[in-house]
Amino acid sequence: MSGDSIVSLKVNKEDIANSVHRNIPCVKCHSDVSTELKRPCETSGKVDCSNCHAETSNIYFASGHGKAYFRKDNNAPYCSDCMGHIL
């Protein structure tokens, strides 16, 4: 994804209600939000899935995808590219 891409921050309540993450508060993963802003999620960056999914993250980081991510390759797929935002 290029630096000038527009990314929607809209989350459908139904998607969360039907996901495996339904009982996890947003700030558990999105800890970089700013409550001082009108739209607190504007400051939210990529989530570090390894906090809860260490084994899967280790596999990803050891793979070609992970190595491309560490090289800051703009085309490197990230966890949410394949797994979806909510699951």
Protein backbone atom coordinates (compact mmCIF):
# COMPACT_ATOMS: atom_id res chain seq x y z
CA MET A 1 0.00 0.00 0.00
CA SER A 2 1.40 3.38 -0.91
CA GLY A 3 1.73 6.20 1.61
CA ASP A 4 -0.97 8.25 -0.11
CA SER A 5 -3.64 5.53 -0.05
CA ILE A 6 -6.94 6.25 1.66
CA VAL A 7 -7.96 3.58 4.15
CA SER A 8 -11.46 3.39 5.55
CA LEU A 9 -11.66 3.39 9.34
CA LYS A 10 -15.32 2.36 9.32
CA VAL A 11 -16.10 -0.77 11.29
CA ASN A 12 -19.45 -2.49 10.94
CA LYS A 13 -20.90 -3.51 14.31
CA GLU A 14 -22.24 -6.72 12.75
CA ASP A 15 -18.74 -7.74 11.66
CA ILE A 16 -17.43 -7.44 15.20
CA ALA A 17 -20.48 -9.10 16.76
CA ASN A 18 -19.92 -12.16 14.56
CA SER A 19 -16.13 -12.35 14.96
CA VAL A 20 -13.85 -14.30 17.26
CA HIS A 21 -12.70 -10.93 18.63
CA ARG A 22 -16.21 -9.84 19.68
CA ASN A 23 -15.41 -9.75 23.42
CA ILE A 24 -12.13 -7.87 23.06
CA PRO A 25 -12.29 -4.07 23.43
CA CYS A 26 -10.88 -2.10 20.49
CA VAL A 27 -8.16 -0.49 22.61
CA LYS A 28 -6.69 -3.92 23.47
CA CYS A 29 -5.18 -3.96 19.97
CA HIS A 30 -5.55 -0.32 18.91
CA SER A 31 -3.66 1.20 21.83
CA ASP A 32 -2.37 4.17 19.85
CA VAL A 33 -5.69 6.01 19.55
CA SER A 34 -5.96 9.60 20.74
CA THR A 35 -9.05 10.34 22.85
CA GLU A 36 -8.44 14.09 22.45
CA LEU A 37 -9.44 13.94 18.77
CA LYS A 38 -12.98 14.10 17.43
CA ARG A 39 -12.22 10.81 15.63
CA PRO A 40 -9.89 9.01 18.08
CA CYS A 41 -9.08 6.21 15.61
CA GLU A 42 -7.42 8.61 13.15
CA THR A 43 -4.09 8.10 14.91
CA SER A 44 -4.36 4.31 14.95
CA GLY A 45 -1.62 2.46 13.10
CA LYS A 46 -1.16 -1.21 12.27
CA VAL A 47 -2.01 -3.63 15.02
CA ASP A 48 0.73 -5.89 16.38
CA CYS A 49 -1.05 -9.25 16.25
CA SER A 50 1.92 -10.95 17.95
CA ASN A 51 0.71 -9.74 21.34
CA CYS A 52 -1.93 -12.50 21.28
CA HIS A 53 -0.83 -14.63 18.34
CA ALA A 54 2.88 -15.18 19.01
CA GLU A 55 3.31 -18.54 17.26
CA THR A 56 1.55 -17.42 14.07
CA SER A 57 3.48 -14.15 14.11
CA ASN A 58 6.79 -15.99 14.41
CA ILE A 59 5.90 -18.05 11.33
CA TYR A 60 4.94 -14.88 9.43
CA PHE A 61 8.10 -12.96 10.40
CA ALA A 62 10.32 -15.91 9.37
CA SER A 63 8.59 -16.12 5.98
CA GLY A 64 9.31 -14.16 2.82
CA HIS A 65 6.31 -11.95 3.64
CA GLY A 66 7.74 -11.10 7.05
CA LYS A 67 11.19 -10.42 5.65
CA ALA A 68 9.66 -8.08 3.05
CA TYR A 69 7.73 -6.35 5.85
CA PHE A 70 10.97 -5.75 7.81
CA ARG A 71 12.60 -4.37 4.63
CA LYS A 72 9.68 -1.90 4.57
CA ASP A 73 8.58 -3.19 1.17
CA ASN A 74 5.32 -1.36 0.38
CA ASN A 75 3.99 -4.51 -1.30
CA ALA A 76 4.66 -6.81 1.67
CA PRO A 77 1.42 -8.43 2.82
CA TYR A 78 0.55 -7.95 6.47
CA CYS A 79 -1.55 -10.24 8.70
CA SER A 80 -4.81 -8.40 8.05
CA ASP A 81 -4.33 -8.60 4.26
CA CYS A 82 -5.10 -12.32 4.36
CA MET A 83 -6.82 -12.73 7.71
CA GLY A 84 -9.16 -9.75 7.46
CA HIS A 85 -9.46 -6.92 9.95
CA ILE A 86 -11.92 -8.56 12.31
CA LEU A 87 -11.98 -12.32 11.68
